[in-house]
Amino acid sequence: MMTETLIAKITKANGLNRIEVDHESVEDVLGGGWAINEDRATHVSHILGDIPGEGIRYAYRVKNIRQIAPPGTWGNKRTRVFFDLEPAPELAHLIGQPSPVGKTHGPVSYVPTATLVIGTNTVDEDAGGSHAVVRGISVFVDDDGIVHITMPAGTEIRIKTGAETAPRPVTD
C-alpha cells in the first residue's frame, strides 16, 4: 500500500475551539485520536487540517505513531490512533487552497501522498502507480489508471485525450 495523507476536517466541535480558544497546539489536535484501523495508520505519512469554508490551514508530516488505543479504551467503539507530527514544507503549497477531496460526510478522508507533493524533476514507481514531478507540477497515475494532478495555484492546464480527433480537412 502506498503512503496516504489524512485530511482532517477541523470544526469547532472537533478541534478548532481547542486550537483557537484553549490554545492547545495544532500538533496535538491534528495528531490525536483518529478513528482508523491500525494497518491503515501505518501508511499515513502526512496530515492536513481542512477548515470548512477556508480550505487547508495546516500541513504536517507524521514522525511516528505515538499510541494506538484499541476499542474499549476510554469508551472508544473503534481503534483510535495518535501521531507525533512535524511541519511539512513539502505540502505548504496547499495551505490556503481548497481541500483536495472536496466535500465529505465524515471528518477524515485520504488521498495518496504522491498526488500532493510538489518537488523538482523526479519520476518514481510507487506501489504500482507512476509519479512524476516536473517544474513543480505533480502527476500521479494510481493502480486503477486514474490520473491525479497537483499544481501551484494559478497554473494553467490543458488536457488532450486520445479520444480527440485531428481537425477535419476542408473540402469544397
N, C-alpha and C. Protein backbone atom coordinates (compact mmCIF):
# COMPACT_ATOMS: atom_id res chain seq x y z
N MET A 1 0.85 -1.19 0.00
CA MET A 1 0.00 0.00 0.00
C MET A 1 0.89 1.24 0.00
N MET A 2 0.53 2.23 -0.79
CA MET A 2 1.29 3.47 -0.86
C MET A 2 1.00 4.33 0.36
N THR A 3 1.81 5.36 0.56
CA THR A 3 1.55 6.26 1.68
C THR A 3 0.35 7.14 1.37
N GLU A 4 -0.34 7.51 2.43
CA GLU A 4 -1.54 8.33 2.30
C GLU A 4 -1.42 9.58 3.15
N THR A 5 -2.15 10.60 2.74
CA THR A 5 -2.30 11.80 3.55
C THR A 5 -3.71 11.80 4.11
N LEU A 6 -3.80 11.91 5.42
CA LEU A 6 -5.08 12.00 6.10
C LEU A 6 -5.49 13.47 6.06
N ILE A 7 -6.68 13.73 5.56
CA ILE A 7 -7.20 15.10 5.52
C ILE A 7 -8.30 15.18 6.57
N ALA A 8 -8.02 15.97 7.61
CA ALA A 8 -8.94 16.09 8.74
C ALA A 8 -9.76 17.36 8.62
N LYS A 9 -11.07 17.20 8.58
CA LYS A 9 -11.97 18.34 8.57
C LYS A 9 -12.05 18.84 10.02
N ILE A 10 -11.51 20.03 10.27
CA ILE A 10 -11.45 20.57 11.62
C ILE A 10 -12.56 21.60 11.80
N THR A 11 -13.49 21.31 12.72
CA THR A 11 -14.60 22.22 13.01
C THR A 11 -14.51 22.63 14.48
N LYS A 12 -15.37 23.55 14.88
CA LYS A 12 -15.39 23.96 16.30
C LYS A 12 -15.67 22.77 17.20
N ALA A 13 -16.48 21.83 16.73
CA ALA A 13 -16.85 20.67 17.54
C ALA A 13 -15.72 19.65 17.68
N ASN A 14 -14.82 19.56 16.68
CA ASN A 14 -13.81 18.50 16.78
C ASN A 14 -12.37 19.00 16.78
N GLY A 15 -12.13 20.20 17.30
CA GLY A 15 -10.74 20.61 17.46
C GLY A 15 -10.44 22.07 17.24
N LEU A 16 -11.21 22.77 16.44
CA LEU A 16 -10.89 24.16 16.15
C LEU A 16 -10.95 25.03 17.40
N ASN A 17 -11.96 24.81 18.26
CA ASN A 17 -12.02 25.56 19.52
C ASN A 17 -10.83 25.24 20.41
N ARG A 18 -10.38 23.98 20.41
CA ARG A 18 -9.22 23.62 21.24
C ARG A 18 -7.97 24.37 20.78
N ILE A 19 -7.88 24.67 19.48
CA ILE A 19 -6.74 25.41 18.95
C ILE A 19 -6.90 26.91 19.21
N GLU A 20 -8.07 27.47 18.82
CA GLU A 20 -8.26 28.91 18.84
C GLU A 20 -8.65 29.47 20.21
N VAL A 21 -9.38 28.71 21.02
CA VAL A 21 -9.85 29.21 22.32
C VAL A 21 -8.98 28.69 23.46
N ASP A 22 -8.73 27.39 23.48
CA ASP A 22 -7.97 26.78 24.56
C ASP A 22 -6.46 26.84 24.33
N HIS A 23 -6.06 27.27 23.14
CA HIS A 23 -4.64 27.41 22.78
C HIS A 23 -3.87 26.09 22.87
N GLU A 24 -4.57 24.99 22.59
CA GLU A 24 -3.91 23.70 22.50
C GLU A 24 -3.11 23.69 21.20
N SER A 25 -2.01 22.98 21.17
CA SER A 25 -1.17 23.01 19.97
C SER A 25 -1.87 22.32 18.81
N VAL A 26 -1.62 22.84 17.61
CA VAL A 26 -2.17 22.25 16.40
C VAL A 26 -1.69 20.81 16.27
N GLU A 27 -0.42 20.58 16.61
CA GLU A 27 0.14 19.23 16.51
C GLU A 27 -0.63 18.24 17.39
N ASP A 28 -1.02 18.67 18.61
CA ASP A 28 -1.77 17.78 19.49
C ASP A 28 -3.18 17.50 18.95
N VAL A 29 -3.82 18.54 18.44
CA VAL A 29 -5.18 18.36 17.93
C VAL A 29 -5.18 17.50 16.67
N LEU A 30 -4.32 17.84 15.70
CA LEU A 30 -4.29 17.06 14.46
C LEU A 30 -3.67 15.68 14.65
N GLY A 31 -2.83 15.54 15.62
CA GLY A 31 -2.15 14.26 15.83
C GLY A 31 -2.92 13.27 16.66
N GLY A 32 -4.06 13.68 17.22
CA GLY A 32 -4.64 12.81 18.22
C GLY A 32 -6.01 12.25 18.02
N GLY A 33 -6.12 10.95 18.24
CA GLY A 33 -7.39 10.29 18.40
C GLY A 33 -8.21 10.00 17.16
N TRP A 34 -7.56 9.75 16.01
CA TRP A 34 -8.32 9.47 14.79
C TRP A 34 -8.80 8.02 14.79
N ALA A 35 -10.08 7.84 14.43
CA ALA A 35 -10.69 6.52 14.39
C ALA A 35 -10.37 5.84 13.06
N ILE A 36 -9.20 5.21 13.02
CA ILE A 36 -8.78 4.47 11.82
C ILE A 36 -8.15 3.17 12.27
N ASN A 37 -8.14 2.18 11.39
CA ASN A 37 -7.57 0.91 11.79
C ASN A 37 -6.04 0.99 11.80
N GLU A 38 -5.46 0.10 12.58
CA GLU A 38 -4.01 0.12 12.81
C GLU A 38 -3.21 -0.06 11.52
N ASP A 39 -3.64 -0.95 10.64
CA ASP A 39 -2.92 -1.17 9.39
C ASP A 39 -2.90 0.09 8.54
N ARG A 40 -4.04 0.72 8.41
CA ARG A 40 -4.09 1.94 7.60
C ARG A 40 -3.23 3.04 8.23
N ALA A 41 -3.23 3.12 9.53
CA ALA A 41 -2.45 4.15 10.23
C ALA A 41 -0.97 4.05 9.90
N THR A 42 -0.47 2.84 9.69
CA THR A 42 0.96 2.68 9.39
C THR A 42 1.33 3.25 8.03
N HIS A 43 0.34 3.54 7.18
CA HIS A 43 0.60 4.10 5.86
C HIS A 43 0.33 5.60 5.77
N VAL A 44 -0.10 6.22 6.88
CA VAL A 44 -0.35 7.66 6.89
C VAL A 44 0.99 8.38 7.04
N SER A 45 1.34 9.18 6.04
CA SER A 45 2.62 9.89 6.06
C SER A 45 2.47 11.38 6.38
N HIS A 46 1.28 11.93 6.15
CA HIS A 46 1.03 13.35 6.35
C HIS A 46 -0.40 13.55 6.85
N ILE A 47 -0.62 14.69 7.51
CA ILE A 47 -1.97 15.08 7.93
C ILE A 47 -2.17 16.55 7.55
N LEU A 48 -3.29 16.81 6.86
CA LEU A 48 -3.68 18.17 6.51
C LEU A 48 -4.89 18.56 7.35
N GLY A 49 -4.90 19.79 7.85
CA GLY A 49 -6.05 20.31 8.57
C GLY A 49 -6.88 21.18 7.66
N ASP A 50 -8.10 20.76 7.39
CA ASP A 50 -9.01 21.46 6.48
C ASP A 50 -10.10 22.13 7.30
N ILE A 51 -10.19 23.47 7.20
CA ILE A 51 -11.23 24.22 7.88
C ILE A 51 -12.35 24.46 6.85
N PRO A 52 -13.54 23.86 7.05
CA PRO A 52 -14.62 24.05 6.08
C PRO A 52 -14.87 25.53 5.80
N GLY A 53 -14.94 25.87 4.53
CA GLY A 53 -15.16 27.24 4.12
C GLY A 53 -13.88 28.06 3.98
N GLU A 54 -12.78 27.56 4.53
CA GLU A 54 -11.49 28.27 4.44
C GLU A 54 -10.46 27.51 3.62
N GLY A 55 -10.52 26.19 3.65
CA GLY A 55 -9.54 25.37 2.95
C GLY A 55 -8.48 24.83 3.90
N ILE A 56 -7.40 24.39 3.32
CA ILE A 56 -6.31 23.80 4.11
C ILE A 56 -5.61 24.89 4.90
N ARG A 57 -5.51 24.70 6.21
CA ARG A 57 -4.84 25.67 7.07
C ARG A 57 -3.53 25.10 7.64
N TYR A 58 -3.45 23.77 7.78
CA TYR A 58 -2.28 23.15 8.41
C TYR A 58 -1.77 21.99 7.56
N ALA A 59 -0.44 21.83 7.53
CA ALA A 59 0.19 20.72 6.80
C ALA A 59 1.30 20.14 7.66
N TYR A 60 1.16 18.87 8.02
CA TYR A 60 2.13 18.20 8.89
C TYR A 60 2.56 16.86 8.32
N ARG A 61 3.78 16.48 8.66
CA ARG A 61 4.35 15.17 8.32
C ARG A 61 4.27 14.31 9.59
N VAL A 62 3.95 13.04 9.42
CA VAL A 62 3.91 12.12 10.55
C VAL A 62 5.33 11.66 10.87
N LYS A 63 5.77 11.90 12.10
CA LYS A 63 7.09 11.42 12.54
C LYS A 63 6.98 9.96 12.97
N ASN A 64 5.92 9.65 13.72
CA ASN A 64 5.70 8.27 14.13
C ASN A 64 4.29 8.14 14.73
N ILE A 65 3.90 6.89 14.96
CA ILE A 65 2.64 6.63 15.65
C ILE A 65 2.98 6.63 17.13
N ARG A 66 2.36 7.56 17.86
CA ARG A 66 2.63 7.69 19.30
C ARG A 66 1.90 6.64 20.11
N GLN A 67 0.63 6.39 19.74
CA GLN A 67 -0.18 5.47 20.52
C GLN A 67 -1.30 4.91 19.66
N ILE A 68 -1.62 3.65 19.91
CA ILE A 68 -2.79 3.03 19.31
C ILE A 68 -3.67 2.56 20.46
N ALA A 69 -4.87 3.13 20.55
CA ALA A 69 -5.80 2.80 21.62
C ALA A 69 -6.87 1.87 21.05
N PRO A 70 -6.87 0.60 21.47
CA PRO A 70 -7.85 -0.35 20.92
C PRO A 70 -9.27 -0.03 21.38
N PRO A 71 -10.28 -0.62 20.70
CA PRO A 71 -11.65 -0.39 21.12
C PRO A 71 -11.81 -0.71 22.61
N GLY A 72 -12.61 0.08 23.29
CA GLY A 72 -12.81 -0.11 24.72
C GLY A 72 -11.98 0.83 25.58
N THR A 73 -10.85 1.34 25.02
CA THR A 73 -10.04 2.30 25.75
C THR A 73 -10.82 3.61 25.83
N TRP A 74 -10.97 4.15 27.00
CA TRP A 74 -11.72 5.41 27.22
C TRP A 74 -13.13 5.35 26.65
N GLY A 75 -13.70 4.17 26.52
CA GLY A 75 -15.06 4.04 26.00
C GLY A 75 -15.14 4.09 24.48
N ASN A 76 -13.99 4.04 23.79
CA ASN A 76 -13.99 4.08 22.32
C ASN A 76 -14.71 2.86 21.77
N LYS A 77 -15.42 3.07 20.67
CA LYS A 77 -16.02 1.95 19.95
C LYS A 77 -15.08 1.45 18.86
N ARG A 78 -14.15 2.32 18.42
CA ARG A 78 -13.20 1.97 17.36
C ARG A 78 -11.78 2.23 17.85
N THR A 79 -10.83 1.65 17.14
CA THR A 79 -9.43 1.91 17.42
C THR A 79 -9.15 3.40 17.18
N ARG A 80 -8.41 4.02 18.09
CA ARG A 80 -8.02 5.42 17.96
C ARG A 80 -6.50 5.48 17.84
N VAL A 81 -6.03 6.28 16.88
CA VAL A 81 -4.59 6.38 16.62
C VAL A 81 -4.13 7.81 16.88
N PHE A 82 -2.96 7.91 17.54
CA PHE A 82 -2.35 9.20 17.86
C PHE A 82 -0.98 9.27 17.18
N PHE A 83 -0.71 10.37 16.48
CA PHE A 83 0.53 10.56 15.75
C PHE A 83 1.36 11.69 16.36
N ASP A 84 2.69 11.58 16.27
CA ASP A 84 3.59 12.71 16.53
C ASP A 84 3.84 13.37 15.18
N LEU A 85 3.73 14.70 15.14
CA LEU A 85 3.80 15.44 13.88
C LEU A 85 4.91 16.48 13.87
N GLU A 86 5.31 16.86 12.65
CA GLU A 86 6.24 17.97 12.44
C GLU A 86 5.78 18.70 11.18
N PRO A 87 6.12 19.99 11.04
CA PRO A 87 5.70 20.73 9.85
C PRO A 87 6.14 20.02 8.56
N ALA A 88 5.30 20.15 7.52
CA ALA A 88 5.57 19.50 6.23
C ALA A 88 5.74 20.56 5.14
N PRO A 89 6.96 21.09 4.97
CA PRO A 89 7.15 22.10 3.93
C PRO A 89 6.83 21.59 2.53
N GLU A 90 6.93 20.28 2.31
CA GLU A 90 6.63 19.71 1.00
C GLU A 90 5.14 19.81 0.65
N LEU A 91 4.29 20.12 1.64
CA LEU A 91 2.86 20.30 1.38
C LEU A 91 2.41 21.73 1.68
N ALA A 92 3.34 22.63 1.96
CA ALA A 92 2.99 24.01 2.31
C ALA A 92 2.23 24.72 1.19
N HIS A 93 2.45 24.29 -0.06
CA HIS A 93 1.74 24.93 -1.18
C HIS A 93 0.23 24.72 -1.11
N LEU A 94 -0.24 23.78 -0.28
CA LEU A 94 -1.66 23.50 -0.16
C LEU A 94 -2.36 24.44 0.82
N ILE A 95 -1.59 25.10 1.69
CA ILE A 95 -2.18 25.98 2.69
C ILE A 95 -2.89 27.14 1.99
N GLY A 96 -4.15 27.34 2.36
CA GLY A 96 -4.98 28.37 1.73
C GLY A 96 -5.74 27.88 0.52
N GLN A 97 -5.47 26.65 0.08
CA GLN A 97 -6.15 26.07 -1.08
C GLN A 97 -7.35 25.26 -0.60
N PRO A 98 -8.33 25.04 -1.48
CA PRO A 98 -9.45 24.16 -1.11
C PRO A 98 -8.94 22.74 -0.84
N SER A 99 -9.69 22.00 -0.05
CA SER A 99 -9.32 20.62 0.23
C SER A 99 -9.23 19.83 -1.06
N PRO A 100 -8.21 18.98 -1.21
CA PRO A 100 -8.10 18.17 -2.43
C PRO A 100 -9.18 17.09 -2.54
N VAL A 101 -9.98 16.88 -1.49
CA VAL A 101 -11.03 15.87 -1.57
C VAL A 101 -12.43 16.46 -1.69
N GLY A 102 -12.57 17.76 -1.66
CA GLY A 102 -13.90 18.37 -1.77
C GLY A 102 -14.75 18.05 -0.56
N LYS A 103 -16.07 18.03 -0.76
CA LYS A 103 -16.99 17.79 0.35
C LYS A 103 -16.99 16.31 0.74
N THR A 104 -17.00 16.07 2.04
CA THR A 104 -17.09 14.71 2.56
C THR A 104 -18.11 14.69 3.69
N HIS A 105 -18.59 13.51 4.03
CA HIS A 105 -19.58 13.40 5.11
C HIS A 105 -18.90 13.26 6.47
N GLY A 106 -17.76 12.60 6.54
CA GLY A 106 -17.09 12.39 7.80
C GLY A 106 -15.94 13.37 8.00
N PRO A 107 -15.31 13.31 9.17
CA PRO A 107 -14.22 14.24 9.45
C PRO A 107 -12.88 13.84 8.83
N VAL A 108 -12.77 12.63 8.30
CA VAL A 108 -11.48 12.15 7.80
C VAL A 108 -11.62 11.61 6.37
N SER A 109 -10.68 12.01 5.51
CA SER A 109 -10.58 11.48 4.15
C SER A 109 -9.11 11.18 3.89
N TYR A 110 -8.84 10.44 2.83
CA TYR A 110 -7.47 10.07 2.49
C TYR A 110 -7.22 10.30 1.01
N VAL A 111 -5.99 10.68 0.68
CA VAL A 111 -5.54 10.74 -0.71
C VAL A 111 -4.11 10.21 -0.75
N PRO A 112 -3.70 9.62 -1.88
CA PRO A 112 -2.30 9.19 -1.98
C PRO A 112 -1.38 10.42 -1.84
N THR A 113 -0.40 10.32 -0.99
CA THR A 113 0.52 11.43 -0.75
C THR A 113 1.20 11.88 -2.03
N ALA A 114 1.50 10.93 -2.91
CA ALA A 114 2.19 11.27 -4.16
C ALA A 114 1.40 12.25 -5.01
N THR A 115 0.07 12.31 -4.82
CA THR A 115 -0.73 13.24 -5.61
C THR A 115 -0.63 14.67 -5.10
N LEU A 116 -0.04 14.87 -3.93
CA LEU A 116 0.00 16.18 -3.31
C LEU A 116 1.37 16.84 -3.29
N VAL A 117 2.41 16.04 -3.34
CA VAL A 117 3.77 16.57 -3.17
C VAL A 117 4.24 17.24 -4.46
N ILE A 118 4.77 18.43 -4.31
CA ILE A 118 5.36 19.15 -5.44
C ILE A 118 6.85 19.27 -5.17
N GLY A 119 7.65 18.89 -6.12
CA GLY A 119 9.10 18.96 -5.97
C GLY A 119 9.74 19.37 -7.27
N THR A 120 10.88 18.78 -7.56
CA THR A 120 11.55 19.06 -8.83
C THR A 120 11.68 17.78 -9.62
N ASN A 121 12.03 17.87 -10.87
CA ASN A 121 12.05 16.79 -11.84
C ASN A 121 12.40 15.41 -11.26
N THR A 122 11.39 14.62 -10.93
CA THR A 122 11.60 13.26 -10.46
C THR A 122 10.56 12.35 -11.10
N VAL A 123 10.90 11.09 -11.20
CA VAL A 123 9.95 10.08 -11.65
C VAL A 123 10.16 8.87 -10.75
N ASP A 124 9.08 8.36 -10.17
CA ASP A 124 9.16 7.23 -9.26
C ASP A 124 8.08 6.22 -9.58
N GLU A 125 8.38 4.96 -9.34
CA GLU A 125 7.36 3.92 -9.35
C GLU A 125 7.01 3.69 -7.89
N ASP A 126 5.74 3.80 -7.54
CA ASP A 126 5.31 3.71 -6.15
C ASP A 126 4.11 2.78 -6.07
N ALA A 127 4.31 1.58 -5.56
CA ALA A 127 3.22 0.61 -5.34
C ALA A 127 2.36 0.41 -6.58
N GLY A 128 3.00 0.31 -7.73
CA GLY A 128 2.26 0.03 -8.95
C GLY A 128 1.79 1.25 -9.70
N GLY A 129 1.90 2.42 -9.10
CA GLY A 129 1.48 3.64 -9.79
C GLY A 129 2.71 4.41 -10.23
N SER A 130 2.54 5.36 -11.10
CA SER A 130 3.65 6.18 -11.55
C SER A 130 3.46 7.59 -11.03
N HIS A 131 4.57 8.24 -10.68
CA HIS A 131 4.53 9.60 -10.16
C HIS A 131 5.68 10.38 -10.77
N ALA A 132 5.36 11.54 -11.32
CA ALA A 132 6.39 12.42 -11.87
C ALA A 132 6.13 13.83 -11.40
N VAL A 133 7.21 14.57 -11.16
CA VAL A 133 7.10 15.97 -10.81
C VAL A 133 7.99 16.74 -11.77
N VAL A 134 7.39 17.65 -12.52
CA VAL A 134 8.13 18.43 -13.50
C VAL A 134 7.76 19.90 -13.31
N ARG A 135 8.77 20.72 -13.08
CA ARG A 135 8.56 22.16 -12.89
C ARG A 135 7.48 22.47 -11.87
N GLY A 136 7.44 21.69 -10.79
CA GLY A 136 6.50 21.96 -9.71
C GLY A 136 5.11 21.40 -9.89
N ILE A 137 4.88 20.67 -10.98
CA ILE A 137 3.56 20.07 -11.23
C ILE A 137 3.69 18.57 -11.00
N SER A 138 2.85 18.04 -10.11
CA SER A 138 2.89 16.63 -9.76
C SER A 138 1.82 15.88 -10.54
N VAL A 139 2.24 14.79 -11.20
CA VAL A 139 1.31 13.93 -11.93
C VAL A 139 1.47 12.53 -11.37
N PHE A 140 0.36 11.93 -10.96
CA PHE A 140 0.39 10.60 -10.36
C PHE A 140 -0.68 9.76 -11.02
N VAL A 141 -0.33 8.54 -11.44
CA VAL A 141 -1.28 7.60 -12.00
C VAL A 141 -1.41 6.46 -11.00
N ASP A 142 -2.63 6.28 -10.46
CA ASP A 142 -2.80 5.25 -9.44
C ASP A 142 -2.98 3.87 -10.06
N ASP A 143 -3.16 2.87 -9.21
CA ASP A 143 -3.26 1.49 -9.66
C ASP A 143 -4.46 1.25 -10.59
N ASP A 144 -5.48 2.11 -10.50
CA ASP A 144 -6.66 1.97 -11.35
C ASP A 144 -6.56 2.77 -12.64
N GLY A 145 -5.40 3.41 -12.87
CA GLY A 145 -5.20 4.19 -14.08
C GLY A 145 -5.76 5.59 -14.03
N ILE A 146 -6.19 6.03 -12.85
CA ILE A 146 -6.73 7.38 -12.70
C ILE A 146 -5.57 8.36 -12.54
N VAL A 147 -5.60 9.45 -13.29
CA VAL A 147 -4.53 10.45 -13.25
C VAL A 147 -4.91 11.54 -12.25
N HIS A 148 -3.98 11.82 -11.31
CA HIS A 148 -4.16 12.87 -10.32
C HIS A 148 -3.11 13.94 -10.61
N ILE A 149 -3.52 15.20 -10.71
CA ILE A 149 -2.59 16.29 -11.00
C ILE A 149 -2.68 17.32 -9.88
N THR A 150 -1.53 17.69 -9.31
CA THR A 150 -1.46 18.73 -8.30
C THR A 150 -0.50 19.79 -8.81
N MET A 151 -0.94 21.05 -8.75
CA MET A 151 -0.09 22.12 -9.27
C MET A 151 -0.27 23.37 -8.44
N PRO A 152 0.70 24.26 -8.48
CA PRO A 152 0.58 25.50 -7.72
C PRO A 152 -0.62 26.32 -8.20
N ALA A 153 -1.19 27.09 -7.27
CA ALA A 153 -2.33 27.95 -7.62
C ALA A 153 -1.95 28.86 -8.78
N GLY A 154 -2.89 29.08 -9.69
CA GLY A 154 -2.66 29.96 -10.82
C GLY A 154 -2.05 29.29 -12.03
N THR A 155 -1.71 28.00 -11.92
CA THR A 155 -1.13 27.28 -13.04
C THR A 155 -2.24 26.91 -14.02
N GLU A 156 -2.01 27.11 -15.30
CA GLU A 156 -2.98 26.76 -16.32
C GLU A 156 -2.69 25.35 -16.82
N ILE A 157 -3.74 24.60 -17.09
CA ILE A 157 -3.57 23.24 -17.60
C ILE A 157 -4.48 23.04 -18.81
N ARG A 158 -3.97 22.36 -19.79
CA ARG A 158 -4.75 21.96 -20.97
C ARG A 158 -4.60 20.45 -21.10
N ILE A 159 -5.72 19.77 -21.27
CA ILE A 159 -5.71 18.31 -21.36
C ILE A 159 -6.21 17.89 -22.72
N LYS A 160 -5.46 16.99 -23.35
CA LYS A 160 -5.88 16.43 -24.62
C LYS A 160 -5.84 14.91 -24.48
N THR A 161 -6.95 14.27 -24.74
CA THR A 161 -7.02 12.82 -24.62
C THR A 161 -6.90 12.19 -26.00
N GLY A 162 -6.65 10.90 -26.01
CA GLY A 162 -6.56 10.17 -27.27
C GLY A 162 -7.88 10.11 -28.00
N ALA A 163 -8.99 10.41 -27.31
CA ALA A 163 -10.30 10.37 -27.93
C ALA A 163 -10.55 11.57 -28.84
N GLU A 164 -9.74 12.60 -28.68
CA GLU A 164 -9.91 13.77 -29.53
C GLU A 164 -9.41 13.45 -30.93
N THR A 165 -10.08 14.00 -31.91
CA THR A 165 -9.69 13.71 -33.29
C THR A 165 -8.94 14.87 -33.89
N ALA A 166 -8.20 14.57 -34.90
CA ALA A 166 -7.46 15.61 -35.63
C ALA A 166 -8.46 16.49 -36.36
N PRO A 167 -8.08 17.73 -36.67
CA PRO A 167 -9.00 18.61 -37.42
C PRO A 167 -9.39 17.97 -38.75
N ARG A 168 -10.63 18.16 -39.12
CA ARG A 168 -11.13 17.62 -40.38
C ARG A 168 -10.62 18.46 -41.55
N PRO A 169 -10.25 17.81 -42.64
CA PRO A 169 -9.81 18.59 -43.80
C PRO A 169 -11.01 19.36 -44.38
N VAL A 170 -10.74 20.52 -44.90
CA VAL A 170 -11.79 21.34 -45.51
C VAL A 170 -11.94 20.89 -46.95
N THR A 171 -13.17 20.63 -47.34
CA THR A 171 -13.45 20.23 -48.73
C THR A 171 -14.42 21.22 -49.35
N ASP A 172 -14.33 21.37 -50.65
CA ASP A 172 -15.24 22.29 -51.36
C ASP A 172 -16.55 21.63 -51.65
